[in-house]
Amino acid sequence: MAKNCSSVTFSVLLIVLLMASTEILKIEAMNVKARCLPQGCKNPTFSEECGLEPFTGTNNDCCHCCVAKYGRQAVCKGVVEGPDKHCHCYKERV
């Protein structure tokens, strides 16, 4: 009985280490917050800029920057734009 329990424990540990080394866990963790605001804007208008210039992150990072700085109610999307790579925050045009 002790041999069976020990081999099962070893097998589970081996599987967990294999998953961690192949980055399966990282991929699943990234998909949890894959998109900042999936619905985006229906009628966008420029609102503000966010972050450093040039902005080195992705559009998703830009969106998270906008939401953190201006709030979810004031932002419908964030996009890295222009040759200077600025993070532009957009709101719904009223």
PDB file of N, CA and C in Angstrom:
ATOM      1  N   MET A   1       0.827  -1.202   0.000  1.00  0.00           N
ATOM      2  CA  MET A   1       0.000   0.000   0.000  1.00  0.00           C
ATOM      3  C   MET A   1       0.863   1.254   0.000  1.00  0.00           C
ATOM      4  N   ALA A   2       1.935   1.249   0.778  1.00  0.00           N
ATOM      5  CA  ALA A   2       2.817   2.407   0.858  1.00  0.00           C
ATOM      6  C   ALA A   2       3.518   2.649  -0.477  1.00  0.00           C
ATOM      7  N   LYS A   3       3.875   1.571  -1.197  1.00  0.00           N
ATOM      8  CA  LYS A   3       4.514   1.727  -2.494  1.00  0.00           C
ATOM      9  C   LYS A   3       3.551   2.377  -3.496  1.00  0.00           C
ATOM     10  N   ASN A   4       2.290   1.966  -3.488  1.00  0.00           N
ATOM     11  CA  ASN A   4       1.293   2.533  -4.400  1.00  0.00           C
ATOM     12  C   ASN A   4       1.080   4.014  -4.120  1.00  0.00           C
ATOM     13  N   CYS A   5       0.962   4.372  -2.857  1.00  0.00           N
ATOM     14  CA  CYS A   5       0.744   5.764  -2.469  1.00  0.00           C
ATOM     15  C   CYS A   5       1.952   6.620  -2.853  1.00  0.00           C
ATOM     16  N   SER A   6       3.119   6.087  -2.655  1.00  0.00           N
ATOM     17  CA  SER A   6       4.345   6.803  -2.984  1.00  0.00           C
ATOM     18  C   SER A   6       4.479   7.012  -4.490  1.00  0.00           C
ATOM     19  N   SER A   7       4.142   6.001  -5.278  1.00  0.00           N
ATOM     20  CA  SER A   7       4.257   6.142  -6.731  1.00  0.00           C
ATOM     21  C   SER A   7       3.195   7.099  -7.281  1.00  0.00           C
ATOM     22  N   VAL A   8       2.013   7.112  -6.689  1.00  0.00           N
ATOM     23  CA  VAL A   8       0.969   8.053  -7.110  1.00  0.00           C
ATOM     24  C   VAL A   8       1.410   9.480  -6.796  1.00  0.00           C
ATOM     25  N   THR A   9       1.952   9.702  -5.619  1.00  0.00           N
ATOM     26  CA  THR A   9       2.435  11.028  -5.238  1.00  0.00           C
ATOM     27  C   THR A   9       3.544  11.482  -6.184  1.00  0.00           C
ATOM     28  N   PHE A  10       4.464  10.585  -6.479  1.00  0.00           N
ATOM     29  CA  PHE A  10       5.552  10.905  -7.394  1.00  0.00           C
ATOM     30  C   PHE A  10       5.016  11.239  -8.784  1.00  0.00           C
ATOM     31  N   SER A  11       4.040  10.486  -9.260  1.00  0.00           N
ATOM     32  CA  SER A  11       3.460  10.728 -10.590  1.00  0.00           C
ATOM     33  C   SER A  11       2.775  12.093 -10.657  1.00  0.00           C
ATOM     34  N   VAL A  12       2.015  12.428  -9.626  1.00  0.00           N
ATOM     35  CA  VAL A  12       1.331  13.723  -9.592  1.00  0.00           C
ATOM     36  C   VAL A  12       2.362  14.858  -9.580  1.00  0.00           C
ATOM     37  N   LEU A  13       3.394  14.718  -8.777  1.00  0.00           N
ATOM     38  CA  LEU A  13       4.451  15.721  -8.722  1.00  0.00           C
ATOM     39  C   LEU A  13       5.137  15.868 -10.072  1.00  0.00           C
ATOM     40  N   LEU A  14       5.389  14.767 -10.736  1.00  0.00           N
ATOM     41  CA  LEU A  14       6.015  14.795 -12.052  1.00  0.00           C
ATOM     42  C   LEU A  14       5.136  15.524 -13.069  1.00  0.00           C
ATOM     43  N   ILE A  15       3.842  15.282 -13.042  1.00  0.00           N
ATOM     44  CA  ILE A  15       2.916  15.948 -13.964  1.00  0.00           C
ATOM     45  C   ILE A  15       2.880  17.453 -13.705  1.00  0.00           C
ATOM     46  N   VAL A  16       2.835  17.849 -12.430  1.00  0.00           N
ATOM     47  CA  VAL A  16       2.820  19.277 -12.095  1.00  0.00           C
ATOM     48  C   VAL A  16       4.106  19.950 -12.567  1.00  0.00           C
ATOM     49  N   LEU A  17       5.242  19.316 -12.352  1.00  0.00           N
ATOM     50  CA  LEU A  17       6.503  19.886 -12.820  1.00  0.00           C
ATOM     51  C   LEU A  17       6.552  19.975 -14.342  1.00  0.00           C
ATOM     52  N   LEU A  18       6.023  18.993 -15.022  1.00  0.00           N
ATOM     53  CA  LEU A  18       5.972  19.010 -16.476  1.00  0.00           C
ATOM     54  C   LEU A  18       5.105  20.168 -16.978  1.00  0.00           C
ATOM     55  N   MET A  19       3.950  20.366 -16.354  1.00  0.00           N
ATOM     56  CA  MET A  19       3.066  21.463 -16.748  1.00  0.00           C
ATOM     57  C   MET A  19       3.741  22.810 -16.520  1.00  0.00           C
ATOM     58  N   ALA A  20       4.414  22.962 -15.398  1.00  0.00           N
ATOM     59  CA  ALA A  20       5.086  24.224 -15.091  1.00  0.00           C
ATOM     60  C   ALA A  20       6.239  24.486 -16.056  1.00  0.00           C
ATOM     61  N   SER A  21       6.960  23.462 -16.413  1.00  0.00           N
ATOM     62  CA  SER A  21       8.109  23.654 -17.299  1.00  0.00           C
ATOM     63  C   SER A  21       7.690  23.916 -18.744  1.00  0.00           C
ATOM     64  N   THR A  22       6.519  23.486 -19.161  1.00  0.00           N
ATOM     65  CA  THR A  22       6.053  23.732 -20.526  1.00  0.00           C
ATOM     66  C   THR A  22       5.173  24.960 -20.613  1.00  0.00           C
ATOM     67  N   GLU A  23       5.035  25.697 -19.542  1.00  0.00           N
ATOM     68  CA  GLU A  23       4.306  26.960 -19.470  1.00  0.00           C
ATOM     69  C   GLU A  23       2.815  26.816 -19.728  1.00  0.00           C
ATOM     70  N   ILE A  24       2.253  25.646 -19.519  1.00  0.00           N
ATOM     71  CA  ILE A  24       0.804  25.473 -19.661  1.00  0.00           C
ATOM     72  C   ILE A  24       0.083  26.336 -18.637  1.00  0.00           C
ATOM     73  N   LEU A  25       0.604  26.411 -17.434  1.00  0.00           N
ATOM     74  CA  LEU A  25      -0.039  27.206 -16.387  1.00  0.00           C
ATOM     75  C   LEU A  25       0.019  28.691 -16.717  1.00  0.00           C
ATOM     76  N   LYS A  26       1.121  29.164 -17.298  1.00  0.00           N
ATOM     77  CA  LYS A  26       1.237  30.576 -17.653  1.00  0.00           C
ATOM     78  C   LYS A  26       0.220  30.947 -18.723  1.00  0.00           C
ATOM     79  N   ILE A  27       0.030  30.101 -19.706  1.00  0.00           N
ATOM     80  CA  ILE A  27      -0.918  30.378 -20.781  1.00  0.00           C
ATOM     81  C   ILE A  27      -2.325  30.493 -20.216  1.00  0.00           C
ATOM     82  N   GLU A  28      -2.708  29.597 -19.327  1.00  0.00           N
ATOM     83  CA  GLU A  28      -4.032  29.675 -18.732  1.00  0.00           C
ATOM     84  C   GLU A  28      -4.172  30.921 -17.876  1.00  0.00           C
ATOM     85  N   ALA A  29      -3.132  31.315 -17.156  1.00  0.00           N
ATOM     86  CA  ALA A  29      -3.189  32.515 -16.333  1.00  0.00           C
ATOM     87  C   ALA A  29      -3.321  33.760 -17.200  1.00  0.00           C
ATOM     88  N   MET A  30      -2.668  33.781 -18.363  1.00  0.00           N
ATOM     89  CA  MET A  30      -2.768  34.933 -19.240  1.00  0.00           C
ATOM     90  C   MET A  30      -4.168  35.060 -19.831  1.00  0.00           C
ATOM     91  N   ASN A  31      -4.841  33.961 -20.088  1.00  0.00           N
ATOM     92  CA  ASN A  31      -6.168  34.006 -20.680  1.00  0.00           C
ATOM     93  C   ASN A  31      -7.228  34.528 -19.717  1.00  0.00           C
ATOM     94  N   VAL A  32      -6.943  34.535 -18.415  1.00  0.00           N
ATOM     95  CA  VAL A  32      -7.913  35.024 -17.445  1.00  0.00           C
ATOM     96  C   VAL A  32      -8.198  36.496 -17.675  1.00  0.00           C
ATOM     97  N   LYS A  33      -7.160  37.295 -17.957  1.00  0.00           N
ATOM     98  CA  LYS A  33      -7.379  38.712 -18.233  1.00  0.00           C
ATOM     99  C   LYS A  33      -6.903  39.047 -19.640  1.00  0.00           C
ATOM    100  N   ALA A  34      -7.310  38.249 -20.582  1.00  0.00           N
ATOM    101  CA  ALA A  34      -6.826  38.389 -21.945  1.00  0.00           C
ATOM    102  C   ALA A  34      -7.240  39.708 -22.579  1.00  0.00           C
ATOM    103  N   ARG A  35      -8.429  40.187 -22.316  1.00  0.00           N
ATOM    104  CA  ARG A  35      -8.894  41.428 -22.930  1.00  0.00           C
ATOM    105  C   ARG A  35      -9.370  42.369 -21.849  1.00  0.00           C
ATOM    106  N   CYS A  36      -9.004  43.607 -21.977  1.00  0.00           N
ATOM    107  CA  CYS A  36      -9.343  44.605 -20.969  1.00  0.00           C
ATOM    108  C   CYS A  36     -10.842  44.889 -20.973  1.00  0.00           C
ATOM    109  N   LEU A  37     -11.348  45.367 -22.083  1.00  0.00           N
ATOM    110  CA  LEU A  37     -12.777  45.668 -22.214  1.00  0.00           C
ATOM    111  C   LEU A  37     -13.272  45.057 -23.520  1.00  0.00           C
ATOM    112  N   PRO A  38     -13.763  43.821 -23.477  1.00  0.00           N
ATOM    113  CA  PRO A  38     -14.092  43.107 -24.712  1.00  0.00           C
ATOM    114  C   PRO A  38     -15.110  43.806 -25.601  1.00  0.00           C
ATOM    115  N   GLN A  39     -16.052  44.547 -25.009  1.00  0.00           N
ATOM    116  CA  GLN A  39     -17.079  45.148 -25.860  1.00  0.00           C
ATOM    117  C   GLN A  39     -16.553  46.347 -26.634  1.00  0.00           C
ATOM    118  N   GLY A  40     -15.469  46.982 -26.160  1.00  0.00           N
ATOM    119  CA  GLY A  40     -14.883  48.111 -26.874  1.00  0.00           C
ATOM    120  C   GLY A  40     -15.814  49.305 -26.924  1.00  0.00           C
ATOM    121  N   CYS A  41     -15.678  50.116 -27.955  1.00  0.00           N
ATOM    122  CA  CYS A  41     -16.475  51.339 -28.105  1.00  0.00           C
ATOM    123  C   CYS A  41     -17.372  51.236 -29.330  1.00  0.00           C
ATOM    124  N   LYS A  42     -18.567  51.731 -29.205  1.00  0.00           N
ATOM    125  CA  LYS A  42     -19.457  51.820 -30.361  1.00  0.00           C
ATOM    126  C   LYS A  42     -19.216  53.132 -31.096  1.00  0.00           C
ATOM    127  N   ASN A  43     -18.975  54.195 -30.342  1.00  0.00           N
ATOM    128  CA  ASN A  43     -18.789  55.523 -30.904  1.00  0.00           C
ATOM    129  C   ASN A  43     -17.640  56.211 -30.159  1.00  0.00           C
ATOM    130  N   PRO A  44     -16.375  55.809 -30.409  1.00  0.00           N
ATOM    131  CA  PRO A  44     -15.260  56.284 -29.584  1.00  0.00           C
ATOM    132  C   PRO A  44     -14.837  57.718 -29.873  1.00  0.00           C
ATOM    133  N   THR A  45     -14.404  58.392 -28.829  1.00  0.00           N
ATOM    134  CA  THR A  45     -13.787  59.704 -28.955  1.00  0.00           C
ATOM    135  C   THR A  45     -12.571  59.747 -28.029  1.00  0.00           C
ATOM    136  N   PHE A  46     -11.497  60.400 -28.488  1.00  0.00           N
ATOM    137  CA  PHE A  46     -10.274  60.459 -27.706  1.00  0.00           C
ATOM    138  C   PHE A  46     -10.542  61.149 -26.381  1.00  0.00           C
ATOM    139  N   SER A  47      -9.975  60.596 -25.319  1.00  0.00           N
ATOM    140  CA  SER A  47     -10.168  61.153 -23.987  1.00  0.00           C
ATOM    141  C   SER A  47      -8.861  61.683 -23.403  1.00  0.00           C
ATOM    142  N   GLU A  48      -7.918  60.806 -23.127  1.00  0.00           N
ATOM    143  CA  GLU A  48      -6.658  61.168 -22.469  1.00  0.00           C
ATOM    144  C   GLU A  48      -5.552  60.243 -22.943  1.00  0.00           C
ATOM    145  N   GLU A  49      -4.319  60.518 -22.487  1.00  0.00           N
ATOM    146  CA  GLU A  49      -3.195  59.619 -22.701  1.00  0.00           C
ATOM    147  C   GLU A  49      -2.832  58.979 -21.373  1.00  0.00           C
ATOM    148  N   CYS A  50      -2.138  57.856 -21.452  1.00  0.00           N
ATOM    149  CA  CYS A  50      -1.779  57.138 -20.238  1.00  0.00           C
ATOM    150  C   CYS A  50      -0.395  56.534 -20.396  1.00  0.00           C
ATOM    151  N   GLY A  51       0.345  56.460 -19.311  1.00  0.00           N
ATOM    152  CA  GLY A  51       1.627  55.761 -19.311  1.00  0.00           C
ATOM    153  C   GLY A  51       2.777  56.566 -19.856  1.00  0.00           C
ATOM    154  N   LEU A  52       3.901  55.900 -19.954  1.00  0.00           N
ATOM    155  CA  LEU A  52       5.133  56.518 -20.426  1.00  0.00           C
ATOM    156  C   LEU A  52       5.113  56.717 -21.929  1.00  0.00           C
ATOM    157  N   GLU A  53       5.975  57.605 -22.413  1.00  0.00           N
ATOM    158  CA  GLU A  53       6.123  57.816 -23.844  1.00  0.00           C
ATOM    159  C   GLU A  53       7.547  57.470 -24.222  1.00  0.00           C
ATOM    160  N   PRO A  54       7.819  56.585 -25.133  1.00  0.00           N
ATOM    161  CA  PRO A  54       6.862  55.738 -25.840  1.00  0.00           C
ATOM    162  C   PRO A  54       6.326  54.632 -24.939  1.00  0.00           C
ATOM    163  N   PHE A  55       5.091  54.255 -25.188  1.00  0.00           N
ATOM    164  CA  PHE A  55       4.449  53.187 -24.429  1.00  0.00           C
ATOM    165  C   PHE A  55       4.948  51.861 -24.975  1.00  0.00           C
ATOM    166  N   THR A  56       5.563  51.051 -24.131  1.00  0.00           N
ATOM    167  CA  THR A  56       6.191  49.818 -24.611  1.00  0.00           C
ATOM    168  C   THR A  56       5.288  48.591 -24.525  1.00  0.00           C
ATOM    169  N   GLY A  57       4.092  48.729 -23.973  1.00  0.00           N
ATOM    170  CA  GLY A  57       3.196  47.586 -23.819  1.00  0.00           C
ATOM    171  C   GLY A  57       2.288  47.386 -25.018  1.00  0.00           C
ATOM    172  N   THR A  58       1.354  46.460 -24.856  1.00  0.00           N
ATOM    173  CA  THR A  58       0.385  46.128 -25.902  1.00  0.00           C
ATOM    174  C   THR A  58      -0.864  46.987 -25.751  1.00  0.00           C
ATOM    175  N   ASN A  59      -1.827  46.823 -26.675  1.00  0.00           N
ATOM    176  CA  ASN A  59      -3.105  47.512 -26.551  1.00  0.00           C
ATOM    177  C   ASN A  59      -3.822  47.107 -25.261  1.00  0.00           C
ATOM    178  N   ASN A  60      -3.711  45.834 -24.895  1.00  0.00           N
ATOM    179  CA  ASN A  60      -4.340  45.357 -23.665  1.00  0.00           C
ATOM    180  C   ASN A  60      -3.705  46.040 -22.449  1.00  0.00           C
ATOM    181  N   ASP A  61      -2.379  46.187 -22.438  1.00  0.00           N
ATOM    182  CA  ASP A  61      -1.701  46.890 -21.348  1.00  0.00           C
ATOM    183  C   ASP A  61      -2.139  48.348 -21.296  1.00  0.00           C
ATOM    184  N   CYS A  62      -2.280  48.959 -22.450  1.00  0.00           N
ATOM    185  CA  CYS A  62      -2.734  50.347 -22.539  1.00  0.00           C
ATOM    186  C   CYS A  62      -4.138  50.483 -21.955  1.00  0.00           C
ATOM    187  N   CYS A  63      -5.005  49.564 -22.300  1.00  0.00           N
ATOM    188  CA  CYS A  63      -6.373  49.596 -21.785  1.00  0.00           C
ATOM    189  C   CYS A  63      -6.381  49.490 -20.260  1.00  0.00           C
ATOM    190  N   HIS A  64      -5.567  48.581 -19.719  1.00  0.00           N
ATOM    191  CA  HIS A  64      -5.492  48.440 -18.262  1.00  0.00           C
ATOM    192  C   HIS A  64      -4.943  49.710 -17.614  1.00  0.00           C
ATOM    193  N   CYS A  65      -3.990  50.374 -18.268  1.00  0.00           N
ATOM    194  CA  CYS A  65      -3.452  51.636 -17.769  1.00  0.00           C
ATOM    195  C   CYS A  65      -4.555  52.694 -17.713  1.00  0.00           C
ATOM    196  N   CYS A  66      -5.346  52.782 -18.779  1.00  0.00           N
ATOM    197  CA  CYS A  66      -6.443  53.761 -18.839  1.00  0.00           C
ATOM    198  C   CYS A  66      -7.481  53.515 -17.753  1.00  0.00           C
ATOM    199  N   VAL A  67      -7.859  52.256 -17.582  1.00  0.00           N
ATOM    200  CA  VAL A  67      -8.862  51.914 -16.569  1.00  0.00           C
ATOM    201  C   VAL A  67      -8.334  52.210 -15.170  1.00  0.00           C
ATOM    202  N   ALA A  68      -7.059  51.903 -14.923  1.00  0.00           N
ATOM    203  CA  ALA A  68      -6.477  52.165 -13.605  1.00  0.00           C
ATOM    204  C   ALA A  68      -6.404  53.658 -13.317  1.00  0.00           C
ATOM    205  N   LYS A  69      -6.126  54.458 -14.337  1.00  0.00           N
ATOM    206  CA  LYS A  69      -5.945  55.899 -14.133  1.00  0.00           C
ATOM    207  C   LYS A  69      -7.260  56.678 -14.127  1.00  0.00           C
ATOM    208  N   TYR A  70      -8.191  56.336 -15.009  1.00  0.00           N
ATOM    209  CA  TYR A  70      -9.405  57.130 -15.189  1.00  0.00           C
ATOM    210  C   TYR A  70     -10.685  56.421 -14.751  1.00  0.00           C
ATOM    211  N   GLY A  71     -10.626  55.120 -14.492  1.00  0.00           N
ATOM    212  CA  GLY A  71     -11.806  54.375 -14.051  1.00  0.00           C
ATOM    213  C   GLY A  71     -12.528  53.684 -15.186  1.00  0.00           C
ATOM    214  N   ARG A  72     -13.151  52.557 -14.870  1.00  0.00           N
ATOM    215  CA  ARG A  72     -13.835  51.733 -15.874  1.00  0.00           C
ATOM    216  C   ARG A  72     -14.993  52.476 -16.535  1.00  0.00           C
ATOM    217  N   GLN A  73     -15.659  53.350 -15.790  1.00  0.00           N
ATOM    218  CA  GLN A  73     -16.814  54.065 -16.351  1.00  0.00           C
ATOM    219  C   GLN A  73     -16.394  55.122 -17.374  1.00  0.00           C
ATOM    220  N   ALA A  74     -15.158  55.633 -17.268  1.00  0.00           N
ATOM    221  CA  ALA A  74     -14.701  56.708 -18.146  1.00  0.00           C
ATOM    222  C   ALA A  74     -13.940  56.212 -19.368  1.00  0.00           C
ATOM    223  N   VAL A  75     -13.724  54.912 -19.481  1.00  0.00           N
ATOM    224  CA  VAL A  75     -12.900  54.364 -20.562  1.00  0.00           C
ATOM    225  C   VAL A  75     -13.638  53.230 -21.254  1.00  0.00           C
ATOM    226  N   CYS A  76     -13.634  53.249 -22.603  1.00  0.00           N
ATOM    227  CA  CYS A  76     -14.199  52.106 -23.319  1.00  0.00           C
ATOM    228  C   CYS A  76     -13.144  51.340 -24.098  1.00  0.00           C
ATOM    229  N   LYS A  77     -11.945  51.936 -24.297  1.00  0.00           N
ATOM    230  CA  LYS A  77     -10.831  51.187 -24.880  1.00  0.00           C
ATOM    231  C   LYS A  77      -9.545  51.987 -24.731  1.00  0.00           C
ATOM    232  N   GLY A  78      -8.433  51.282 -24.842  1.00  0.00           N
ATOM    233  CA  GLY A  78      -7.119  51.899 -24.843  1.00  0.00           C
ATOM    234  C   GLY A  78      -6.321  51.310 -25.991  1.00  0.00           C
ATOM    235  N   VAL A  79      -5.647  52.178 -26.770  1.00  0.00           N
ATOM    236  CA  VAL A  79      -4.934  51.731 -27.959  1.00  0.00           C
ATOM    237  C   VAL A  79      -3.573  52.423 -28.034  1.00  0.00           C
ATOM    238  N   VAL A  80      -2.542  51.654 -28.389  1.00  0.00           N
ATOM    239  CA  VAL A  80      -1.223  52.227 -28.627  1.00  0.00           C
ATOM    240  C   VAL A  80      -1.210  52.711 -30.076  1.00  0.00           C
ATOM    241  N   GLU A  81      -0.991  54.020 -30.256  1.00  0.00           N
ATOM    242  CA  GLU A  81      -1.111  54.603 -31.593  1.00  0.00           C
ATOM    243  C   GLU A  81       0.041  55.545 -31.902  1.00  0.00           C
ATOM    244  N   GLY A  82       0.216  55.798 -33.179  1.00  0.00           N
ATOM    245  CA  GLY A  82       1.158  56.794 -33.661  1.00  0.00           C
ATOM    246  C   GLY A  82       2.583  56.292 -33.735  1.00  0.00           C
ATOM    247  N   PRO A  83       3.412  57.025 -34.487  1.00  0.00           N
ATOM    248  CA  PRO A  83       4.816  56.638 -34.614  1.00  0.00           C
ATOM    249  C   PRO A  83       5.571  56.744 -33.287  1.00  0.00           C
ATOM    250  N   ASP A  84       5.090  57.602 -32.387  1.00  0.00           N
ATOM    251  CA  ASP A  84       5.729  57.773 -31.082  1.00  0.00           C
ATOM    252  C   ASP A  84       5.228  56.785 -30.043  1.00  0.00           C
ATOM    253  N   LYS A  85       4.279  55.914 -30.434  1.00  0.00           N
ATOM    254  CA  LYS A  85       3.745  54.862 -29.557  1.00  0.00           C
ATOM    255  C   LYS A  85       3.159  55.441 -28.268  1.00  0.00           C
ATOM    256  N   HIS A  86       2.103  56.223 -28.389  1.00  0.00           N
ATOM    257  CA  HIS A  86       1.397  56.758 -27.234  1.00  0.00           C
ATOM    258  C   HIS A  86       0.218  55.863 -26.895  1.00  0.00           C
ATOM    259  N   CYS A  87      -0.076  55.725 -25.619  1.00  0.00           N
ATOM    260  CA  CYS A  87      -1.259  54.989 -25.174  1.00  0.00           C
ATOM    261  C   CYS A  87      -2.419  55.965 -25.111  1.00  0.00           C
ATOM    262  N   HIS A  88      -3.380  55.814 -26.013  1.00  0.00           N
ATOM    263  CA  HIS A  88      -4.530  56.706 -26.070  1.00  0.00           C
ATOM    264  C   HIS A  88      -5.748  56.031 -25.456  1.00  0.00           C
ATOM    265  N   CYS A  89      -6.406  56.753 -24.574  1.00  0.00           N
ATOM    266  CA  CYS A  89      -7.628  56.260 -23.927  1.00  0.00           C
ATOM    267  C   CYS A  89      -8.831  56.869 -24.638  1.00  0.00           C
ATOM    268  N   TYR A  90      -9.839  56.057 -24.849  1.00  0.00           N
ATOM    269  CA  TYR A  90     -11.046  56.508 -25.531  1.00  0.00           C
ATOM    270  C   TYR A  90     -12.257  56.330 -24.622  1.00  0.00           C
ATOM    271  N   LYS A  91     -13.246  57.208 -24.819  1.00  0.00           N
ATOM    272  CA  LYS A  91     -14.522  57.113 -24.111  1.00  0.00           C
ATOM    273  C   LYS A  91     -15.639  57.109 -25.143  1.00  0.00           C
ATOM    274  N   GLU A  92     -16.813  56.744 -24.708  1.00  0.00           N
ATOM    275  CA  GLU A  92     -17.983  56.773 -25.602  1.00  0.00           C
ATOM    276  C   GLU A  92     -18.387  58.207 -25.876  1.00  0.00           C
ATOM    277  N   ARG A  93     -18.609  58.511 -27.153  1.00  0.00           N
ATOM    278  CA  ARG A  93     -19.103  59.836 -27.522  1.00  0.00           C
ATOM    279  C   ARG A  93     -20.576  59.909 -27.144  1.00  0.00           C
ATOM    280  N   VAL A  94     -20.926  60.971 -26.471  1.00  0.00           N
ATOM    281  CA  VAL A  94     -22.315  61.127 -26.019  1.00  0.00           C
ATOM    282  C   VAL A  94     -23.115  61.935 -26.986  1.00  0.00           C
TER     283      VAL A  94
END
